Amino acid sequence: MDLGAFAMDQFRKALPSVFALVLGIAAGSVLMVISGFNPLLVFQLMIVGAFGSSQGRTYMLIYMSPLILNALAFLVPGKAGMWNVGAQGQVYLGGMTAALIALLVPLPGVVGPVVCLLAGALVGSVWAFIPALMRVYRNASEIVTTIMLNYVAASLASYLLFDYIGVIFPGATVNNQSPAFPSAFRLLRLPGSTASVMVIVAVITAFAVLYFLQRTTYGYEIRAVGLSPLSSKTKGINPKRMMLLAMALGGLLAGLAGAGDVLAAGHYTDQFAEGWFGGEGFAGIAVALVGASNPVGAVFSAVLFAIMVAGAPYMQSFGMPKEMIWTLQGLIILFTAMPYLYTLVQNKLGGKSK
C-alpha cells in the first residue's frame, strides 16, 4: 500500500469520530445557549485562552504529552482485545520511580533524565503485566484487576513518599511532595516555553506506535488476536503471548508518561507530589476513544482536550464556570461512542434482514 492510499484509509477510519465530534460540539452549543452563554463567544474564549498567550500555549503543551501517552497506553492493549484501565496506577509508579532515582542516584548530565524515563517506563510495564498474567492464565477480568491495582499503586506511591523519602529527607514531605530534584534531572524545555520536550517525545511515540501496529509482525499479530483469538491461533499466532506483550507495552507508555510528568519543570515544580497526576490515566481512555483508537487520531484528540483544559482559566475569567468545560468534554466523549453504537445497530438489523 502506497503512502497516499494509506493516508486515505486512515482518513476514512477517522470520519466517524470527526462527525461525532461535530455532533458533540453542536450538543454542547445547545446546552450553552440554554444556560445563557453564547457558544461562539465561548469557543472564541477557549481558543484565545489556549493560543493567545505564552502561558496558555505552555499549558496546552504540558497537558498534551501525558494525554497522548496515556491514550496510547489504553489503545495498544485494546488492539489485542485487552482493556487497560490501570494507566492511572502505572503513571503513579512510573513517576515515583523517576522521583526515587532523581533523589537517590547521582547520575551525570543527560544520563539522569534518560535513566529516569526508562526506569519509569519499565516499572509501568511490569505493573501492567500483573493483571495481564491474571487474565491470560486465570481468566480474571483485566478491567477489575487494573482498576483495583490503581488504588494499590497510589497507596504504594504514598508510602514511598512519606515513609521512605520522608525518612531520608526529614521534613521535606510536609507539603505532601518530595524535595526538589537536582537540576541535572530536569528535562530540557522547548524554546521560548517552560514546557518540556516530553510533548515531542509523545508525538514521536504516537507515530512509532502506528508504525509498530501497521508495519511489523508483532503489530499484525496483536491486531489479529484482537480481531479473533481463535482464528489467529489457527494461523500460528500465540494469543496469550500477544496479550501479554500488548498489555506490557501499554504499561510502558503509561509509566513513561508518569516519569516525564515529574521531571518536567513546566509543571510548576520538578517534584513528586501526592495527587499530582489527577485523573490523567483515565483521561487517556477518553482521548483514545475520541481519536478512534488510532495513534495519530490520539494526537489530534489530545490537542483538542489540551485546548479545552488550557483555555478554561481564560474562560472562567469571563464568568464561564469550569463545570461547563467538563460538560462539553463529557458530551464529546458521549457522542464519540455513537458511531460504534450505530455500527452495532446496523449489524444487528442487517443480520435480522437476512
Foldseek 3Di string as FASTA:
>chain_A
DDPVVVVVVLVVLLVLLVVLLVVLLVVLCVVCVVVPHHSVVLVVLLQCLLPVDQLNVQLLLQQLLLLLLLLLLQLLLLLLVAGQLQLLLLLLQLQLQLQCCLVPPDDDALVSQVVSLQRLLQSLLVLLLVLLCCCLPVVDRSVVVSVVVSVVSLVVSQCCQCVPQCVVVPPQCPVQWHHAGPPRNAAPPDPPHLWHCSSVVSLVVLVVVLCCLPPDPLNVLSNVNSVPVVVSVVVVRDSSVSSSVSSSNSSSSSSSSSNNSLRRVSLVGNIGGRCSVPPSSNSSNLLCLSLSSHSVSSSVSSSVLSSLVSSQVSSVVVVDDVVSSVVSSVSSSVSSCVVVVVVVVVVVVVVVVD
